[in-house]
Amino acid sequence: QVQLEESGGGLVQAGASLRLSCVASGGTFSRMDMAWFRQAPGKEREFVAFISWSGVHKLEGASVLGRFAISREDAKNTVHLQMNNLKPADTAVYYCAAVVDPAGTVVADSTYTTWGQGTQVTVSS
């Protein structure tokens, strides 16, 4: 059974950077398409970024385009989310998600079969 564990969240000021990491265990990481989502209080879960199993295909959400970057280290079963120029609107719980051979669109949370517990990111103004 695949398990995901996120780390790297915290409290930062606007304009700062953070790097989130998600370690996968219990499965074949090199076959997993990975994504980051986030959910702010009172809001729906929002797509942040996607990276394919090969690392070739990447996609970022419109609200983070040009500021956030997703990457993966297969040797460490880890996916990262580098977040630069953080804004108060980025405050949310960030979740890592995984799927093998997705049947749906990669921006939909319903596509993913495995989720981490989340890590809190808080950006103060």
N, C-alpha and C. Protein backbone atom coordinates (compact mmCIF):
# COMPACT_ATOMS: atom_id res chain seq x y z
N GLN A 1 0.84 -1.19 0.00
CA GLN A 1 0.00 0.00 0.00
C GLN A 1 0.87 1.24 0.00
N VAL A 2 0.61 2.14 -0.93
CA VAL A 2 1.40 3.35 -1.06
C VAL A 2 1.05 4.33 0.04
N GLN A 3 2.07 4.93 0.62
CA GLN A 3 1.88 6.00 1.61
C GLN A 3 2.71 7.20 1.19
N LEU A 4 2.16 8.39 1.46
CA LEU A 4 2.83 9.64 1.13
C LEU A 4 2.97 10.48 2.39
N GLU A 5 4.13 11.10 2.55
CA GLU A 5 4.36 11.95 3.71
C GLU A 5 4.99 13.26 3.27
N GLU A 6 4.28 14.36 3.53
CA GLU A 6 4.76 15.68 3.18
C GLU A 6 5.57 16.31 4.31
N SER A 7 6.44 17.22 3.94
CA SER A 7 7.21 18.00 4.92
C SER A 7 7.63 19.32 4.29
N GLY A 8 8.08 20.24 5.15
CA GLY A 8 8.63 21.49 4.63
C GLY A 8 7.74 22.70 4.80
N GLY A 9 6.53 22.51 5.31
CA GLY A 9 5.66 23.66 5.50
C GLY A 9 6.13 24.53 6.65
N GLY A 10 5.49 25.69 6.80
CA GLY A 10 5.85 26.57 7.89
C GLY A 10 5.23 27.93 7.74
N LEU A 11 5.66 28.85 8.60
CA LEU A 11 5.18 30.23 8.61
C LEU A 11 6.29 31.13 8.05
N VAL A 12 5.97 31.86 6.99
CA VAL A 12 6.94 32.75 6.37
C VAL A 12 6.27 34.08 6.05
N GLN A 13 7.11 35.06 5.74
CA GLN A 13 6.59 36.36 5.33
C GLN A 13 6.41 36.39 3.81
N ALA A 14 5.56 37.29 3.37
CA ALA A 14 5.35 37.46 1.93
C ALA A 14 6.68 37.73 1.23
N GLY A 15 6.86 37.10 0.07
CA GLY A 15 8.08 37.25 -0.70
C GLY A 15 9.11 36.17 -0.43
N ALA A 16 8.92 35.40 0.62
CA ALA A 16 9.86 34.35 0.97
C ALA A 16 9.65 33.10 0.10
N SER A 17 10.54 32.14 0.32
CA SER A 17 10.47 30.87 -0.40
C SER A 17 10.37 29.70 0.58
N LEU A 18 9.76 28.64 0.11
CA LEU A 18 9.70 27.38 0.85
C LEU A 18 9.84 26.24 -0.15
N ARG A 19 10.35 25.12 0.34
CA ARG A 19 10.43 23.93 -0.49
C ARG A 19 9.72 22.79 0.23
N LEU A 20 8.64 22.32 -0.36
CA LEU A 20 7.92 21.19 0.18
C LEU A 20 8.46 19.90 -0.42
N SER A 21 8.44 18.84 0.37
CA SER A 21 8.85 17.53 -0.10
C SER A 21 7.79 16.51 0.24
N CYS A 22 7.71 15.47 -0.57
CA CYS A 22 6.76 14.38 -0.35
C CYS A 22 7.49 13.09 -0.64
N VAL A 23 7.57 12.23 0.37
CA VAL A 23 8.24 10.95 0.22
C VAL A 23 7.20 9.85 0.09
N ALA A 24 7.37 9.01 -0.91
CA ALA A 24 6.46 7.88 -1.14
C ALA A 24 7.10 6.58 -0.66
N SER A 25 6.26 5.73 -0.09
CA SER A 25 6.73 4.42 0.33
C SER A 25 5.67 3.38 0.00
N GLY A 26 6.10 2.15 -0.17
CA GLY A 26 5.17 1.06 -0.37
C GLY A 26 4.75 0.81 -1.80
N GLY A 27 5.38 1.48 -2.75
CA GLY A 27 5.00 1.28 -4.14
C GLY A 27 6.17 1.56 -5.06
N THR A 28 5.93 1.52 -6.36
CA THR A 28 6.97 1.79 -7.34
C THR A 28 6.88 3.25 -7.74
N PHE A 29 7.69 4.07 -7.09
CA PHE A 29 7.60 5.52 -7.27
C PHE A 29 7.81 5.92 -8.72
N SER A 30 8.69 5.23 -9.41
CA SER A 30 9.02 5.61 -10.78
C SER A 30 7.85 5.43 -11.74
N ARG A 31 6.81 4.76 -11.33
CA ARG A 31 5.61 4.60 -12.15
C ARG A 31 4.52 5.60 -11.79
N MET A 32 4.71 6.37 -10.75
CA MET A 32 3.67 7.25 -10.23
C MET A 32 3.69 8.62 -10.87
N ASP A 33 2.52 9.05 -11.34
CA ASP A 33 2.32 10.46 -11.63
C ASP A 33 2.03 11.15 -10.30
N MET A 34 2.65 12.31 -10.09
CA MET A 34 2.55 13.00 -8.80
C MET A 34 1.99 14.40 -8.97
N ALA A 35 1.33 14.86 -7.93
CA ALA A 35 0.77 16.21 -7.98
C ALA A 35 0.73 16.83 -6.60
N TRP A 36 0.63 18.14 -6.58
CA TRP A 36 0.39 18.90 -5.37
C TRP A 36 -0.96 19.63 -5.51
N PHE A 37 -1.72 19.58 -4.45
CA PHE A 37 -2.96 20.34 -4.33
C PHE A 37 -2.87 21.15 -3.04
N ARG A 38 -3.75 22.11 -2.90
CA ARG A 38 -3.83 22.85 -1.66
C ARG A 38 -5.27 23.17 -1.33
N GLN A 39 -5.50 23.39 -0.05
CA GLN A 39 -6.85 23.75 0.39
C GLN A 39 -6.77 24.78 1.49
N ALA A 40 -7.35 25.93 1.22
CA ALA A 40 -7.43 27.01 2.20
C ALA A 40 -8.73 26.87 2.98
N PRO A 41 -8.79 27.44 4.19
CA PRO A 41 -10.01 27.33 5.00
C PRO A 41 -11.23 27.86 4.25
N GLY A 42 -12.28 27.06 4.22
CA GLY A 42 -13.52 27.47 3.60
C GLY A 42 -13.53 27.41 2.08
N LYS A 43 -12.45 26.89 1.50
CA LYS A 43 -12.37 26.81 0.04
C LYS A 43 -12.20 25.37 -0.42
N GLU A 44 -12.49 25.14 -1.70
CA GLU A 44 -12.30 23.82 -2.27
C GLU A 44 -10.82 23.53 -2.51
N ARG A 45 -10.51 22.27 -2.59
CA ARG A 45 -9.13 21.88 -2.88
C ARG A 45 -8.76 22.34 -4.29
N GLU A 46 -7.56 22.88 -4.41
CA GLU A 46 -7.13 23.52 -5.66
C GLU A 46 -5.89 22.82 -6.21
N PHE A 47 -5.86 22.57 -7.51
CA PHE A 47 -4.70 22.01 -8.17
C PHE A 47 -3.56 23.02 -8.15
N VAL A 48 -2.34 22.52 -7.84
CA VAL A 48 -1.17 23.39 -7.79
C VAL A 48 -0.16 23.02 -8.88
N ALA A 49 0.22 21.73 -8.92
CA ALA A 49 1.25 21.33 -9.90
C ALA A 49 1.21 19.83 -10.11
N PHE A 50 1.69 19.41 -11.29
CA PHE A 50 1.71 18.00 -11.68
C PHE A 50 3.05 17.68 -12.34
N ILE A 51 3.51 16.45 -12.11
CA ILE A 51 4.68 15.95 -12.82
C ILE A 51 4.43 14.49 -13.18
N SER A 52 4.71 14.13 -14.41
CA SER A 52 4.47 12.77 -14.86
C SER A 52 5.51 11.82 -14.30
N TRP A 53 5.25 10.52 -14.44
CA TRP A 53 6.15 9.49 -13.92
C TRP A 53 7.55 9.64 -14.52
N SER A 54 7.62 10.10 -15.76
CA SER A 54 8.90 10.23 -16.44
C SER A 54 9.61 11.53 -16.09
N GLY A 55 8.87 12.48 -15.53
CA GLY A 55 9.43 13.79 -15.26
C GLY A 55 9.41 14.71 -16.47
N VAL A 56 8.95 14.21 -17.60
CA VAL A 56 8.97 14.99 -18.83
C VAL A 56 7.83 16.01 -18.86
N HIS A 57 6.69 15.58 -18.40
CA HIS A 57 5.49 16.43 -18.48
C HIS A 57 5.23 17.09 -17.13
N LYS A 58 5.11 18.42 -17.16
CA LYS A 58 4.82 19.19 -15.95
C LYS A 58 3.70 20.18 -16.26
N LEU A 59 2.99 20.52 -15.21
CA LEU A 59 1.89 21.49 -15.35
C LEU A 59 1.74 22.23 -14.03
N GLU A 60 1.58 23.53 -14.10
CA GLU A 60 1.34 24.34 -12.90
C GLU A 60 0.00 25.03 -13.01
N GLY A 61 -0.64 25.24 -11.88
CA GLY A 61 -1.90 25.96 -11.87
C GLY A 61 -1.70 27.43 -12.19
N ALA A 62 -2.74 28.06 -12.67
CA ALA A 62 -2.63 29.45 -13.11
C ALA A 62 -2.21 30.39 -11.99
N SER A 63 -2.65 30.12 -10.78
CA SER A 63 -2.36 31.03 -9.66
C SER A 63 -0.91 30.94 -9.17
N VAL A 64 -0.19 29.90 -9.59
CA VAL A 64 1.19 29.73 -9.13
C VAL A 64 2.20 29.75 -10.27
N LEU A 65 1.71 29.88 -11.49
CA LEU A 65 2.58 29.83 -12.67
C LEU A 65 3.67 30.88 -12.59
N GLY A 66 4.91 30.44 -12.79
CA GLY A 66 6.05 31.34 -12.74
C GLY A 66 6.63 31.53 -11.35
N ARG A 67 5.95 31.04 -10.32
CA ARG A 67 6.43 31.17 -8.94
C ARG A 67 6.76 29.81 -8.32
N PHE A 68 5.99 28.80 -8.66
CA PHE A 68 6.17 27.46 -8.10
C PHE A 68 6.74 26.53 -9.17
N ALA A 69 7.53 25.54 -8.73
CA ALA A 69 8.08 24.55 -9.65
C ALA A 69 8.08 23.18 -9.00
N ILE A 70 7.64 22.20 -9.75
CA ILE A 70 7.59 20.82 -9.26
C ILE A 70 8.76 20.04 -9.86
N SER A 71 9.31 19.12 -9.06
CA SER A 71 10.40 18.27 -9.54
C SER A 71 10.33 16.95 -8.79
N ARG A 72 11.10 15.97 -9.26
CA ARG A 72 11.10 14.67 -8.60
C ARG A 72 12.50 14.09 -8.56
N GLU A 73 12.75 13.30 -7.52
CA GLU A 73 14.00 12.56 -7.37
C GLU A 73 13.63 11.10 -7.18
N ASP A 74 13.67 10.35 -8.25
CA ASP A 74 13.25 8.95 -8.17
C ASP A 74 14.15 8.13 -7.26
N ALA A 75 15.42 8.49 -7.19
CA ALA A 75 16.34 7.74 -6.33
C ALA A 75 15.97 7.86 -4.85
N LYS A 76 15.22 8.93 -4.52
CA LYS A 76 14.80 9.15 -3.13
C LYS A 76 13.30 9.01 -2.95
N ASN A 77 12.60 8.55 -3.99
CA ASN A 77 11.14 8.40 -3.93
C ASN A 77 10.46 9.69 -3.46
N THR A 78 10.95 10.80 -3.97
CA THR A 78 10.53 12.11 -3.47
C THR A 78 10.12 13.05 -4.60
N VAL A 79 9.07 13.80 -4.34
CA VAL A 79 8.67 14.89 -5.21
C VAL A 79 8.74 16.18 -4.41
N HIS A 80 9.20 17.25 -5.07
CA HIS A 80 9.37 18.54 -4.40
C HIS A 80 8.45 19.58 -5.02
N LEU A 81 8.15 20.58 -4.22
CA LEU A 81 7.46 21.77 -4.73
C LEU A 81 8.24 22.98 -4.23
N GLN A 82 8.95 23.62 -5.13
CA GLN A 82 9.68 24.84 -4.81
C GLN A 82 8.74 26.02 -4.97
N MET A 83 8.55 26.75 -3.89
CA MET A 83 7.61 27.87 -3.89
C MET A 83 8.38 29.16 -3.64
N ASN A 84 8.35 30.04 -4.61
CA ASN A 84 9.05 31.32 -4.52
C ASN A 84 8.06 32.48 -4.51
N ASN A 85 8.52 33.61 -4.01
CA ASN A 85 7.69 34.82 -3.97
C ASN A 85 6.29 34.52 -3.40
N LEU A 86 6.28 33.92 -2.24
CA LEU A 86 5.02 33.51 -1.63
C LEU A 86 4.16 34.71 -1.28
N LYS A 87 2.85 34.51 -1.39
CA LYS A 87 1.87 35.56 -1.11
C LYS A 87 0.92 35.06 -0.03
N PRO A 88 0.27 35.99 0.68
CA PRO A 88 -0.71 35.56 1.69
C PRO A 88 -1.79 34.65 1.10
N ALA A 89 -2.13 34.83 -0.17
CA ALA A 89 -3.14 33.99 -0.82
C ALA A 89 -2.67 32.55 -1.00
N ASP A 90 -1.38 32.29 -0.81
CA ASP A 90 -0.86 30.92 -0.90
C ASP A 90 -1.05 30.15 0.40
N THR A 91 -1.53 30.81 1.43
CA THR A 91 -1.76 30.15 2.71
C THR A 91 -2.78 29.03 2.55
N ALA A 92 -2.39 27.82 2.93
CA ALA A 92 -3.26 26.66 2.77
C ALA A 92 -2.55 25.43 3.34
N VAL A 93 -3.30 24.35 3.41
CA VAL A 93 -2.69 23.04 3.65
C VAL A 93 -2.35 22.45 2.28
N TYR A 94 -1.12 22.03 2.12
CA TYR A 94 -0.64 21.50 0.85
C TYR A 94 -0.58 19.98 0.93
N TYR A 95 -1.18 19.34 -0.07
CA TYR A 95 -1.27 17.89 -0.12
C TYR A 95 -0.51 17.34 -1.33
N CYS A 96 0.16 16.24 -1.09
CA CYS A 96 0.81 15.48 -2.15
C CYS A 96 -0.15 14.36 -2.57
N ALA A 97 -0.20 14.06 -3.87
CA ALA A 97 -1.09 13.03 -4.37
C ALA A 97 -0.39 12.19 -5.44
N ALA A 98 -0.79 10.94 -5.54
CA ALA A 98 -0.16 10.03 -6.49
C ALA A 98 -1.19 9.17 -7.20
N VAL A 99 -0.85 8.79 -8.44
CA VAL A 99 -1.69 7.87 -9.20
C VAL A 99 -0.79 7.15 -10.22
N VAL A 100 -1.15 5.93 -10.52
CA VAL A 100 -0.50 5.16 -11.59
C VAL A 100 -1.52 4.98 -12.70
N ASP A 101 -1.14 5.33 -13.92
CA ASP A 101 -2.02 5.22 -15.09
C ASP A 101 -3.32 5.97 -14.85
N PRO A 102 -3.28 7.29 -14.72
CA PRO A 102 -4.49 8.05 -14.43
C PRO A 102 -5.56 7.88 -15.50
N ALA A 103 -6.81 7.79 -15.03
CA ALA A 103 -7.93 7.64 -15.95
C ALA A 103 -8.59 8.98 -16.26
N GLY A 104 -8.30 9.99 -15.42
CA GLY A 104 -8.93 11.28 -15.62
C GLY A 104 -7.92 12.38 -15.85
N THR A 105 -8.39 13.60 -15.84
CA THR A 105 -7.52 14.74 -16.04
C THR A 105 -6.61 14.94 -14.83
N VAL A 106 -5.38 15.35 -15.09
CA VAL A 106 -4.39 15.44 -14.00
C VAL A 106 -4.66 16.62 -13.06
N VAL A 107 -5.53 17.55 -13.43
CA VAL A 107 -5.82 18.69 -12.56
C VAL A 107 -6.99 18.41 -11.61
N ALA A 108 -7.63 17.28 -11.76
CA ALA A 108 -8.77 16.94 -10.92
C ALA A 108 -8.33 16.08 -9.74
N ASP A 109 -8.76 16.45 -8.54
CA ASP A 109 -8.32 15.67 -7.36
C ASP A 109 -8.90 14.25 -7.39
N SER A 110 -10.02 14.06 -8.06
CA SER A 110 -10.64 12.74 -8.14
C SER A 110 -9.80 11.74 -8.94
N THR A 111 -8.82 12.23 -9.68
CA THR A 111 -7.96 11.35 -10.48
C THR A 111 -6.99 10.55 -9.62
N TYR A 112 -6.64 11.09 -8.47
CA TYR A 112 -5.56 10.55 -7.65
C TYR A 112 -6.09 9.55 -6.63
N THR A 113 -5.32 8.49 -6.43
CA THR A 113 -5.75 7.40 -5.57
C THR A 113 -5.11 7.42 -4.19
N THR A 114 -4.01 8.14 -4.06
CA THR A 114 -3.29 8.16 -2.78
C THR A 114 -2.95 9.59 -2.41
N TRP A 115 -3.15 9.92 -1.14
CA TRP A 115 -2.95 11.27 -0.63
C TRP A 115 -2.13 11.25 0.65
N GLY A 116 -1.34 12.30 0.83
CA GLY A 116 -0.66 12.49 2.09
C GLY A 116 -1.57 13.19 3.09
N GLN A 117 -1.04 13.41 4.29
CA GLN A 117 -1.81 14.04 5.36
C GLN A 117 -1.81 15.56 5.25
N GLY A 118 -0.89 16.10 4.48
CA GLY A 118 -0.85 17.53 4.28
C GLY A 118 0.16 18.23 5.17
N THR A 119 0.63 19.39 4.70
CA THR A 119 1.53 20.23 5.48
C THR A 119 1.06 21.67 5.37
N GLN A 120 1.04 22.37 6.49
CA GLN A 120 0.50 23.74 6.53
C GLN A 120 1.55 24.74 6.04
N VAL A 121 1.11 25.61 5.16
CA VAL A 121 1.92 26.75 4.73
C VAL A 121 1.14 28.01 5.07
N THR A 122 1.77 28.89 5.83
CA THR A 122 1.15 30.15 6.21
C THR A 122 2.06 31.30 5.80
N VAL A 123 1.50 32.23 5.04
CA VAL A 123 2.27 33.37 4.55
C VAL A 123 1.67 34.64 5.14
N SER A 124 2.47 35.35 5.89
CA SER A 124 2.00 36.59 6.52
C SER A 124 2.36 37.79 5.64
N SER A 125 1.54 38.82 5.76
CA SER A 125 1.76 40.02 4.94
C SER A 125 2.67 41.02 5.62
